[in-house]
Amino acid sequence: MLYALSAFFYRTASWKSLLLAIVLYLPIPIFLLRPLEARLNQLAGYEIGPIDLLIFEFDPARIQKMVADYGLQGRAIYAQGALIDDTIYPIIYTFLFCVILSLLYRRRVVAPGSLVNIFPVTSLVFDLLENAFIITLLRGYPAPQPTVAVLCLVASNLKWLSLFITAVLAIYGLVRLIKQRAVTGKLSA
């Protein structure tokens, strides 16, 4: 299944699919996620932000305090956003990153093989797990859920780590492509 997914992206990755992915990606953070964050901040009375955006956080008590600070309406709005908007968003950014890596690595042999182009799927999995834990925390309030908070942080940190690795793979692929073009003078990827 992984090889079929990888082959699909290598086969369909083009400048057109990249443009499509960008067009699908851009409206979500601008028109869905940013207003959700602003609403959460307004309801909490201070700049609290969503749990999803905590990068390499290690404090489960902070997560539980954030859930409390969102308030009843904020928790309901955030849970709905995490269920709908923040489920669509990881799928679209995964598609975008898979297309980018497919374009960059299409004609290169890379260890551990051709699956490098679907590495962003790991971010998708961890992001969806993080969302499930966030929804559990939001809907389970006021019951203390320290285990769920820890699992949320683990999923979140693994999401951010995999996104960082994806960025490194993209930068590495781009540098290799530029070097190859400088040597060969070719403009095709």
N, C-alpha and C. Protein backbone atom coordinates (compact mmCIF):
# COMPACT_ATOMS: atom_id res chain seq x y z
N MET A 1 0.81 -1.19 0.00
CA MET A 1 0.00 0.00 0.00
C MET A 1 0.86 1.26 0.00
N LEU A 2 1.94 1.29 0.80
CA LEU A 2 2.82 2.46 0.82
C LEU A 2 3.48 2.67 -0.53
N TYR A 3 3.92 1.56 -1.16
CA TYR A 3 4.56 1.69 -2.46
C TYR A 3 3.57 2.18 -3.51
N ALA A 4 2.32 1.75 -3.41
CA ALA A 4 1.30 2.21 -4.36
C ALA A 4 1.03 3.71 -4.16
N LEU A 5 0.98 4.15 -2.91
CA LEU A 5 0.78 5.57 -2.63
C LEU A 5 1.96 6.38 -3.14
N SER A 6 3.17 5.90 -2.89
CA SER A 6 4.37 6.57 -3.37
C SER A 6 4.35 6.66 -4.90
N ALA A 7 4.04 5.55 -5.55
CA ALA A 7 3.99 5.53 -7.02
C ALA A 7 2.92 6.50 -7.54
N PHE A 8 1.79 6.57 -6.85
CA PHE A 8 0.73 7.50 -7.25
C PHE A 8 1.25 8.94 -7.24
N PHE A 9 1.94 9.32 -6.18
CA PHE A 9 2.44 10.69 -6.10
C PHE A 9 3.54 10.95 -7.12
N TYR A 10 4.45 9.99 -7.32
CA TYR A 10 5.48 10.18 -8.34
C TYR A 10 4.84 10.33 -9.72
N ARG A 11 3.80 9.57 -9.96
CA ARG A 11 3.13 9.58 -11.27
C ARG A 11 2.34 10.87 -11.49
N THR A 12 1.69 11.37 -10.45
CA THR A 12 0.80 12.52 -10.62
C THR A 12 1.43 13.87 -10.27
N ALA A 13 2.60 13.87 -9.65
CA ALA A 13 3.24 15.13 -9.27
C ALA A 13 3.66 15.90 -10.51
N SER A 14 3.21 17.13 -10.58
CA SER A 14 3.54 18.02 -11.69
C SER A 14 3.39 19.44 -11.18
N TRP A 15 3.73 20.39 -12.02
CA TRP A 15 3.56 21.78 -11.64
C TRP A 15 2.08 22.10 -11.46
N LYS A 16 1.22 21.43 -12.25
CA LYS A 16 -0.23 21.65 -12.12
C LYS A 16 -0.74 21.12 -10.78
N SER A 17 -0.30 19.91 -10.39
CA SER A 17 -0.76 19.37 -9.10
C SER A 17 -0.18 20.18 -7.94
N LEU A 18 1.02 20.73 -8.12
CA LEU A 18 1.59 21.60 -7.09
C LEU A 18 0.76 22.87 -6.95
N LEU A 19 0.39 23.46 -8.07
CA LEU A 19 -0.45 24.66 -8.04
C LEU A 19 -1.80 24.36 -7.40
N LEU A 20 -2.40 23.22 -7.75
CA LEU A 20 -3.67 22.81 -7.15
C LEU A 20 -3.53 22.67 -5.64
N ALA A 21 -2.46 22.02 -5.19
CA ALA A 21 -2.23 21.82 -3.76
C ALA A 21 -2.09 23.15 -3.04
N ILE A 22 -1.38 24.09 -3.65
CA ILE A 22 -1.20 25.42 -3.04
C ILE A 22 -2.54 26.15 -2.96
N VAL A 23 -3.33 26.07 -4.03
CA VAL A 23 -4.63 26.74 -4.06
C VAL A 23 -5.56 26.14 -3.00
N LEU A 24 -5.49 24.83 -2.79
CA LEU A 24 -6.31 24.19 -1.76
C LEU A 24 -5.81 24.52 -0.36
N TYR A 25 -4.49 24.65 -0.21
CA TYR A 25 -3.87 24.86 1.09
C TYR A 25 -4.11 26.27 1.65
N LEU A 26 -3.84 27.28 0.86
CA LEU A 26 -3.80 28.66 1.36
C LEU A 26 -5.07 29.14 2.05
N PRO A 27 -6.26 28.86 1.55
CA PRO A 27 -7.45 29.39 2.23
C PRO A 27 -7.68 28.84 3.63
N ILE A 28 -7.21 27.64 3.91
CA ILE A 28 -7.53 27.02 5.20
C ILE A 28 -6.90 27.77 6.37
N PRO A 29 -5.58 28.00 6.37
CA PRO A 29 -5.05 28.76 7.51
C PRO A 29 -5.55 30.20 7.55
N ILE A 30 -5.79 30.79 6.38
CA ILE A 30 -6.20 32.19 6.33
C ILE A 30 -7.65 32.38 6.75
N PHE A 31 -8.56 31.56 6.18
CA PHE A 31 -9.99 31.80 6.37
C PHE A 31 -10.67 30.88 7.39
N LEU A 32 -10.01 29.80 7.80
CA LEU A 32 -10.62 28.90 8.78
C LEU A 32 -9.86 28.87 10.10
N LEU A 33 -8.57 28.58 10.04
CA LEU A 33 -7.82 28.37 11.28
C LEU A 33 -7.47 29.67 12.01
N ARG A 34 -7.10 30.69 11.27
CA ARG A 34 -6.77 31.97 11.92
C ARG A 34 -7.99 32.58 12.62
N PRO A 35 -9.17 32.60 11.97
CA PRO A 35 -10.35 33.10 12.68
C PRO A 35 -10.72 32.25 13.90
N LEU A 36 -10.51 30.93 13.80
CA LEU A 36 -10.77 30.07 14.96
C LEU A 36 -9.86 30.46 16.12
N GLU A 37 -8.59 30.68 15.84
CA GLU A 37 -7.65 31.10 16.88
C GLU A 37 -8.06 32.44 17.48
N ALA A 38 -8.46 33.39 16.64
CA ALA A 38 -8.89 34.69 17.14
C ALA A 38 -10.11 34.56 18.04
N ARG A 39 -11.03 33.70 17.66
CA ARG A 39 -12.24 33.49 18.47
C ARG A 39 -11.88 32.86 19.82
N LEU A 40 -10.97 31.89 19.82
CA LEU A 40 -10.53 31.26 21.08
C LEU A 40 -9.89 32.29 21.98
N ASN A 41 -9.05 33.15 21.40
CA ASN A 41 -8.40 34.21 22.19
C ASN A 41 -9.43 35.16 22.78
N GLN A 42 -10.42 35.51 21.98
CA GLN A 42 -11.47 36.42 22.44
C GLN A 42 -12.25 35.80 23.60
N LEU A 43 -12.63 34.54 23.46
CA LEU A 43 -13.43 33.89 24.49
C LEU A 43 -12.63 33.66 25.78
N ALA A 44 -11.33 33.39 25.63
CA ALA A 44 -10.49 33.17 26.81
C ALA A 44 -10.12 34.49 27.49
N GLY A 45 -10.16 35.58 26.72
CA GLY A 45 -9.81 36.88 27.29
C GLY A 45 -8.33 37.19 27.23
N TYR A 46 -7.56 36.34 26.61
CA TYR A 46 -6.13 36.59 26.40
C TYR A 46 -5.65 35.73 25.24
N GLU A 47 -4.43 35.97 24.78
CA GLU A 47 -3.88 35.24 23.64
C GLU A 47 -3.48 33.83 24.06
N ILE A 48 -4.43 32.94 24.00
CA ILE A 48 -4.21 31.56 24.41
C ILE A 48 -3.78 30.68 23.24
N GLY A 49 -4.39 30.88 22.09
CA GLY A 49 -4.08 30.09 20.90
C GLY A 49 -4.56 28.66 21.03
N PRO A 50 -4.53 27.93 19.94
CA PRO A 50 -4.94 26.52 19.96
C PRO A 50 -3.80 25.62 20.44
N ILE A 51 -4.17 24.52 21.00
CA ILE A 51 -3.20 23.53 21.48
C ILE A 51 -2.34 23.04 20.32
N ASP A 52 -2.94 22.92 19.14
CA ASP A 52 -2.24 22.41 17.95
C ASP A 52 -0.96 23.16 17.62
N LEU A 53 -0.90 24.44 17.99
CA LEU A 53 0.24 25.26 17.59
C LEU A 53 1.35 25.32 18.63
N LEU A 54 1.21 24.58 19.71
CA LEU A 54 2.29 24.52 20.69
C LEU A 54 3.39 23.63 20.13
N ILE A 55 4.54 24.22 19.90
CA ILE A 55 5.65 23.49 19.29
C ILE A 55 6.56 22.96 20.38
N PHE A 56 6.74 21.65 20.39
CA PHE A 56 7.59 20.95 21.34
C PHE A 56 7.29 21.35 22.79
N GLU A 57 6.03 21.24 23.14
CA GLU A 57 5.53 21.49 24.50
C GLU A 57 5.66 20.19 25.31
N PHE A 58 5.96 20.31 26.58
CA PHE A 58 6.14 19.12 27.41
C PHE A 58 5.41 19.23 28.75
N ASP A 59 4.41 20.10 28.85
CA ASP A 59 3.74 20.34 30.11
C ASP A 59 2.25 19.98 30.02
N PRO A 60 1.85 18.76 30.44
CA PRO A 60 0.45 18.36 30.38
C PRO A 60 -0.47 19.28 31.20
N ALA A 61 0.03 19.83 32.29
CA ALA A 61 -0.79 20.73 33.12
C ALA A 61 -1.15 21.99 32.33
N ARG A 62 -0.25 22.46 31.50
CA ARG A 62 -0.53 23.64 30.68
C ARG A 62 -1.67 23.35 29.69
N ILE A 63 -1.65 22.17 29.12
CA ILE A 63 -2.70 21.77 28.17
C ILE A 63 -4.05 21.76 28.88
N GLN A 64 -4.10 21.18 30.06
CA GLN A 64 -5.36 21.10 30.80
C GLN A 64 -5.83 22.50 31.23
N LYS A 65 -4.90 23.39 31.55
CA LYS A 65 -5.27 24.76 31.89
C LYS A 65 -5.84 25.47 30.67
N MET A 66 -5.23 25.25 29.50
CA MET A 66 -5.73 25.86 28.27
C MET A 66 -7.17 25.41 28.01
N VAL A 67 -7.42 24.11 28.18
CA VAL A 67 -8.77 23.58 27.96
C VAL A 67 -9.75 24.28 28.90
N ALA A 68 -9.38 24.47 30.15
CA ALA A 68 -10.25 25.17 31.10
C ALA A 68 -10.45 26.63 30.69
N ASP A 69 -9.38 27.28 30.26
CA ASP A 69 -9.44 28.70 29.93
C ASP A 69 -10.24 29.00 28.67
N TYR A 70 -10.43 28.05 27.80
CA TYR A 70 -11.23 28.28 26.59
C TYR A 70 -12.68 28.61 26.95
N GLY A 71 -13.14 28.12 28.08
CA GLY A 71 -14.53 28.33 28.47
C GLY A 71 -15.45 27.38 27.71
N LEU A 72 -16.69 27.34 28.14
CA LEU A 72 -17.67 26.42 27.56
C LEU A 72 -17.84 26.63 26.06
N GLN A 73 -18.06 27.87 25.66
CA GLN A 73 -18.27 28.16 24.24
C GLN A 73 -16.98 27.93 23.44
N GLY A 74 -15.86 28.32 23.98
CA GLY A 74 -14.57 28.11 23.30
C GLY A 74 -14.28 26.64 23.09
N ARG A 75 -14.54 25.82 24.11
CA ARG A 75 -14.32 24.37 23.97
C ARG A 75 -15.21 23.80 22.87
N ALA A 76 -16.46 24.24 22.82
CA ALA A 76 -17.39 23.73 21.80
C ALA A 76 -16.92 24.14 20.40
N ILE A 77 -16.53 25.39 20.24
CA ILE A 77 -16.06 25.90 18.94
C ILE A 77 -14.77 25.19 18.53
N TYR A 78 -13.84 25.03 19.47
CA TYR A 78 -12.56 24.39 19.18
C TYR A 78 -12.76 22.93 18.81
N ALA A 79 -13.63 22.24 19.54
CA ALA A 79 -13.88 20.82 19.23
C ALA A 79 -14.44 20.67 17.83
N GLN A 80 -15.37 21.54 17.45
CA GLN A 80 -15.93 21.48 16.10
C GLN A 80 -14.86 21.80 15.06
N GLY A 81 -14.04 22.80 15.34
CA GLY A 81 -12.95 23.15 14.42
C GLY A 81 -11.94 22.04 14.27
N ALA A 82 -11.60 21.40 15.40
CA ALA A 82 -10.64 20.29 15.34
C ALA A 82 -11.22 19.10 14.59
N LEU A 83 -12.51 18.92 14.70
CA LEU A 83 -13.17 17.79 14.04
C LEU A 83 -13.31 18.02 12.54
N ILE A 84 -13.59 19.24 12.13
CA ILE A 84 -13.86 19.49 10.71
C ILE A 84 -12.67 20.17 10.04
N ASP A 85 -12.40 21.44 10.39
CA ASP A 85 -11.37 22.22 9.72
C ASP A 85 -9.99 21.59 9.88
N ASP A 86 -9.67 21.18 11.10
CA ASP A 86 -8.33 20.66 11.36
C ASP A 86 -8.21 19.18 11.02
N THR A 87 -9.21 18.63 10.39
CA THR A 87 -9.08 17.30 9.79
C THR A 87 -8.82 17.47 8.29
N ILE A 88 -9.46 18.44 7.69
CA ILE A 88 -9.24 18.72 6.27
C ILE A 88 -7.84 19.27 6.06
N TYR A 89 -7.41 20.17 6.93
CA TYR A 89 -6.11 20.84 6.78
C TYR A 89 -4.93 19.86 6.71
N PRO A 90 -4.80 18.88 7.62
CA PRO A 90 -3.67 17.96 7.51
C PRO A 90 -3.69 17.13 6.22
N ILE A 91 -4.88 16.80 5.76
CA ILE A 91 -4.97 16.04 4.51
C ILE A 91 -4.42 16.88 3.36
N ILE A 92 -4.79 18.15 3.33
CA ILE A 92 -4.35 19.02 2.24
C ILE A 92 -2.86 19.34 2.35
N TYR A 93 -2.35 19.64 3.56
CA TYR A 93 -0.91 19.92 3.64
C TYR A 93 -0.09 18.67 3.38
N THR A 94 -0.62 17.50 3.72
CA THR A 94 0.08 16.25 3.39
C THR A 94 0.16 16.08 1.88
N PHE A 95 -0.95 16.34 1.19
CA PHE A 95 -0.96 16.27 -0.27
C PHE A 95 0.08 17.24 -0.85
N LEU A 96 0.10 18.47 -0.34
CA LEU A 96 1.06 19.47 -0.81
C LEU A 96 2.49 19.00 -0.61
N PHE A 97 2.81 18.54 0.59
CA PHE A 97 4.19 18.12 0.87
C PHE A 97 4.57 16.87 0.08
N CYS A 98 3.63 15.96 -0.13
CA CYS A 98 3.92 14.76 -0.93
C CYS A 98 4.20 15.14 -2.38
N VAL A 99 3.47 16.10 -2.90
CA VAL A 99 3.72 16.57 -4.27
C VAL A 99 5.09 17.23 -4.36
N ILE A 100 5.41 18.09 -3.40
CA ILE A 100 6.71 18.76 -3.40
C ILE A 100 7.84 17.74 -3.37
N LEU A 101 7.77 16.79 -2.44
CA LEU A 101 8.84 15.79 -2.33
C LEU A 101 8.89 14.90 -3.57
N SER A 102 7.75 14.61 -4.15
CA SER A 102 7.74 13.80 -5.37
C SER A 102 8.44 14.53 -6.51
N LEU A 103 8.19 15.82 -6.63
CA LEU A 103 8.86 16.60 -7.67
C LEU A 103 10.37 16.67 -7.43
N LEU A 104 10.76 16.80 -6.17
CA LEU A 104 12.18 16.94 -5.85
C LEU A 104 12.96 15.63 -5.92
N TYR A 105 12.31 14.51 -5.63
CA TYR A 105 13.02 13.24 -5.55
C TYR A 105 12.65 12.27 -6.67
N ARG A 106 11.89 12.71 -7.64
CA ARG A 106 11.39 11.82 -8.69
C ARG A 106 12.50 11.05 -9.38
N ARG A 107 13.57 11.67 -9.72
CA ARG A 107 14.63 11.01 -10.49
C ARG A 107 15.87 10.73 -9.64
N ARG A 108 15.68 10.55 -8.38
CA ARG A 108 16.82 10.31 -7.51
C ARG A 108 16.61 9.02 -6.71
N VAL A 109 17.68 8.29 -6.53
CA VAL A 109 17.62 7.13 -5.66
C VAL A 109 18.00 7.62 -4.27
N VAL A 110 17.10 7.44 -3.34
CA VAL A 110 17.30 7.95 -1.99
C VAL A 110 17.04 6.80 -1.01
N ALA A 111 17.97 6.58 -0.11
CA ALA A 111 17.74 5.58 0.92
C ALA A 111 16.72 6.14 1.88
N PRO A 112 15.79 5.41 2.34
CA PRO A 112 15.52 3.99 2.18
C PRO A 112 14.64 3.66 0.98
N GLY A 113 14.86 4.32 -0.10
CA GLY A 113 14.12 3.99 -1.31
C GLY A 113 13.18 5.10 -1.73
N SER A 114 12.28 4.73 -2.56
CA SER A 114 11.41 5.71 -3.19
C SER A 114 10.32 6.24 -2.27
N LEU A 115 10.21 5.75 -1.07
CA LEU A 115 9.12 6.17 -0.17
C LEU A 115 9.34 7.54 0.46
N VAL A 116 10.45 8.17 0.19
CA VAL A 116 10.73 9.48 0.78
C VAL A 116 9.61 10.48 0.45
N ASN A 117 8.97 10.32 -0.69
CA ASN A 117 7.95 11.29 -1.10
C ASN A 117 6.66 11.18 -0.28
N ILE A 118 6.47 10.09 0.43
CA ILE A 118 5.26 9.98 1.26
C ILE A 118 5.56 10.09 2.75
N PHE A 119 6.76 10.53 3.09
CA PHE A 119 7.08 10.74 4.50
C PHE A 119 6.08 11.68 5.18
N PRO A 120 5.56 12.71 4.50
CA PRO A 120 4.58 13.61 5.15
C PRO A 120 3.34 12.89 5.67
N VAL A 121 3.08 11.69 5.24
CA VAL A 121 1.94 10.94 5.75
C VAL A 121 2.09 10.72 7.27
N THR A 122 3.33 10.65 7.74
CA THR A 122 3.54 10.51 9.19
C THR A 122 2.99 11.73 9.93
N SER A 123 3.19 12.92 9.35
CA SER A 123 2.63 14.14 9.96
C SER A 123 1.11 14.07 10.00
N LEU A 124 0.52 13.57 8.93
CA LEU A 124 -0.94 13.43 8.87
C LEU A 124 -1.43 12.53 9.99
N VAL A 125 -0.79 11.40 10.16
CA VAL A 125 -1.21 10.44 11.20
C VAL A 125 -1.11 11.07 12.58
N PHE A 126 0.03 11.70 12.87
CA PHE A 126 0.21 12.30 14.19
C PHE A 126 -0.72 13.50 14.40
N ASP A 127 -0.99 14.27 13.34
CA ASP A 127 -1.90 15.41 13.46
C ASP A 127 -3.33 14.93 13.74
N LEU A 128 -3.76 13.89 13.06
CA LEU A 128 -5.10 13.36 13.31
C LEU A 128 -5.21 12.77 14.72
N LEU A 129 -4.16 12.10 15.19
CA LEU A 129 -4.15 11.61 16.58
C LEU A 129 -4.21 12.78 17.56
N GLU A 130 -3.41 13.80 17.30
CA GLU A 130 -3.43 14.99 18.15
C GLU A 130 -4.84 15.58 18.21
N ASN A 131 -5.50 15.68 17.06
CA ASN A 131 -6.86 16.22 17.02
C ASN A 131 -7.82 15.37 17.84
N ALA A 132 -7.69 14.05 17.74
CA ALA A 132 -8.56 13.15 18.51
C ALA A 132 -8.35 13.37 20.01
N PHE A 133 -7.11 13.53 20.42
CA PHE A 133 -6.83 13.77 21.84
C PHE A 133 -7.34 15.14 22.28
N ILE A 134 -7.19 16.15 21.42
CA ILE A 134 -7.69 17.49 21.76
C ILE A 134 -9.20 17.45 21.93
N ILE A 135 -9.88 16.79 21.00
CA ILE A 135 -11.35 16.69 21.10
C ILE A 135 -11.75 15.96 22.37
N THR A 136 -11.03 14.91 22.72
CA THR A 136 -11.30 14.16 23.95
C THR A 136 -11.14 15.07 25.17
N LEU A 137 -10.07 15.87 25.18
CA LEU A 137 -9.84 16.79 26.30
C LEU A 137 -10.94 17.84 26.38
N LEU A 138 -11.30 18.40 25.23
CA LEU A 138 -12.31 19.46 25.20
C LEU A 138 -13.68 18.95 25.62
N ARG A 139 -14.06 17.79 25.12
CA ARG A 139 -15.38 17.26 25.42
C ARG A 139 -15.45 16.59 26.79
N GLY A 140 -14.30 16.19 27.32
CA GLY A 140 -14.28 15.53 28.62
C GLY A 140 -14.16 16.48 29.79
N TYR A 141 -13.94 17.76 29.50
CA TYR A 141 -13.81 18.75 30.56
C TYR A 141 -15.12 18.82 31.35
N PRO A 142 -15.11 18.89 32.64
CA PRO A 142 -14.05 19.27 33.57
C PRO A 142 -13.29 18.09 34.17
N ALA A 143 -13.58 16.88 33.73
CA ALA A 143 -12.85 15.73 34.30
C ALA A 143 -11.36 15.86 33.99
N PRO A 144 -10.50 15.68 34.99
CA PRO A 144 -9.06 15.72 34.72
C PRO A 144 -8.67 14.53 33.84
N GLN A 145 -7.87 14.80 32.84
CA GLN A 145 -7.46 13.76 31.90
C GLN A 145 -5.95 13.83 31.66
N PRO A 146 -5.15 13.61 32.70
CA PRO A 146 -3.70 13.76 32.54
C PRO A 146 -3.10 12.80 31.51
N THR A 147 -3.62 11.59 31.41
CA THR A 147 -3.09 10.63 30.44
C THR A 147 -3.38 11.10 29.02
N VAL A 148 -4.59 11.59 28.79
CA VAL A 148 -4.94 12.10 27.46
C VAL A 148 -4.09 13.32 27.13
N ALA A 149 -3.84 14.17 28.11
CA ALA A 149 -2.99 15.36 27.88
C ALA A 149 -1.58 14.93 27.49
N VAL A 150 -1.05 13.92 28.15
CA VAL A 150 0.29 13.42 27.80
C VAL A 150 0.29 12.83 26.39
N LEU A 151 -0.72 12.02 26.08
CA LEU A 151 -0.81 11.44 24.74
C LEU A 151 -0.96 12.53 23.67
N CYS A 152 -1.70 13.57 24.00
CA CYS A 152 -1.85 14.71 23.09
C CYS A 152 -0.50 15.36 22.81
N LEU A 153 0.27 15.56 23.87
CA LEU A 153 1.60 16.16 23.71
C LEU A 153 2.54 15.26 22.92
N VAL A 154 2.47 13.97 23.15
CA VAL A 154 3.31 13.03 22.39
C VAL A 154 2.97 13.12 20.90
N ALA A 155 1.67 13.05 20.58
CA ALA A 155 1.24 13.14 19.18
C ALA A 155 1.64 14.49 18.59
N SER A 156 1.44 15.55 19.35
CA SER A 156 1.78 16.90 18.86
C SER A 156 3.27 17.03 18.58
N ASN A 157 4.10 16.57 19.52
CA ASN A 157 5.55 16.67 19.33
C ASN A 157 6.02 15.81 18.16
N LEU A 158 5.43 14.64 17.99
CA LEU A 158 5.79 13.80 16.85
C LEU A 158 5.33 14.43 15.54
N LYS A 159 4.19 15.11 15.57
CA LYS A 159 3.71 15.84 14.38
C LYS A 159 4.74 16.91 14.00
N TRP A 160 5.14 17.73 14.98
CA TRP A 160 6.08 18.80 14.68
C TRP A 160 7.44 18.26 14.25
N LEU A 161 7.89 17.16 14.87
CA LEU A 161 9.15 16.55 14.46
C LEU A 161 9.06 16.05 13.02
N SER A 162 7.96 15.40 12.67
CA SER A 162 7.83 14.90 11.30
C SER A 162 7.71 16.05 10.29
N LEU A 163 7.07 17.14 10.68
CA LEU A 163 7.02 18.31 9.79
C LEU A 163 8.41 18.92 9.60
N PHE A 164 9.19 18.94 10.67
CA PHE A 164 10.56 19.43 10.58
C PHE A 164 11.38 18.54 9.64
N ILE A 165 11.25 17.23 9.79
CA ILE A 165 11.97 16.30 8.91
C ILE A 165 11.52 16.48 7.47
N THR A 166 10.23 16.69 7.25
CA THR A 166 9.72 16.94 5.90
C THR A 166 10.38 18.19 5.32
N ALA A 167 10.49 19.25 6.12
CA ALA A 167 11.14 20.48 5.65
C ALA A 167 12.60 20.23 5.31
N VAL A 168 13.29 19.46 6.14
CA VAL A 168 14.69 19.13 5.87
C VAL A 168 14.81 18.33 4.57
N LEU A 169 13.91 17.37 4.38
CA LEU A 169 13.92 16.59 3.13
C LEU A 169 13.68 17.49 1.92
N ALA A 170 12.77 18.43 2.05
CA ALA A 170 12.48 19.34 0.94
C ALA A 170 13.68 20.24 0.65
N ILE A 171 14.30 20.79 1.68
CA ILE A 171 15.47 21.65 1.49
C ILE A 171 16.62 20.85 0.88
N TYR A 172 16.86 19.66 1.41
CA TYR A 172 17.91 18.80 0.87
C TYR A 172 17.65 18.47 -0.60
N GLY A 173 16.42 18.11 -0.91
CA GLY A 173 16.06 17.79 -2.30
C GLY A 173 16.24 18.99 -3.22
N LEU A 174 15.85 20.17 -2.73
CA LEU A 174 16.00 21.38 -3.52
C LEU A 174 17.47 21.72 -3.76
N VAL A 175 18.29 21.60 -2.72
CA VAL A 175 19.73 21.86 -2.87
C VAL A 175 20.34 20.88 -3.87
N ARG A 176 19.98 19.61 -3.76
CA ARG A 176 20.50 18.61 -4.72
C ARG A 176 20.05 18.93 -6.14
N LEU A 177 18.81 19.34 -6.30
CA LEU A 177 18.29 19.69 -7.62
C LEU A 177 19.03 20.89 -8.20
N ILE A 178 19.26 21.90 -7.38
CA ILE A 178 19.99 23.10 -7.84
C ILE A 178 21.41 22.73 -8.23
N LYS A 179 22.07 21.91 -7.41
CA LYS A 179 23.43 21.48 -7.74
C LYS A 179 23.45 20.69 -9.04
N GLN A 180 22.48 19.80 -9.20
CA GLN A 180 22.42 18.99 -10.41
C GLN A 180 22.19 19.88 -11.64
N ARG A 181 21.32 20.84 -11.51
CA ARG A 181 21.06 21.75 -12.64
C ARG A 181 22.27 22.61 -12.95
N ALA A 182 23.01 23.00 -11.91
CA ALA A 182 24.20 23.80 -12.14
C ALA A 182 25.26 22.99 -12.89
N VAL A 183 25.34 21.68 -12.58
CA VAL A 183 26.33 20.82 -13.22
C VAL A 183 25.91 20.46 -14.64
N THR A 184 24.64 20.08 -14.80
CA THR A 184 24.17 19.60 -16.11
C THR A 184 23.59 20.70 -16.97
N GLY A 185 23.16 21.77 -16.35
CA GLY A 185 22.54 22.84 -17.11
C GLY A 185 21.12 22.53 -17.52
N LYS A 186 20.54 21.44 -16.99
CA LYS A 186 19.17 21.05 -17.32
C LYS A 186 18.19 21.82 -16.46
N LEU A 187 17.03 22.07 -17.03
CA LEU A 187 15.98 22.76 -16.30
C LEU A 187 14.85 21.84 -15.89
N SER A 188 14.89 20.57 -16.26
CA SER A 188 13.80 19.66 -15.90
C SER A 188 14.11 18.97 -14.58
N ALA A 189 13.07 18.71 -13.81
CA ALA A 189 13.24 18.08 -12.48
C ALA A 189 13.45 16.61 -12.61
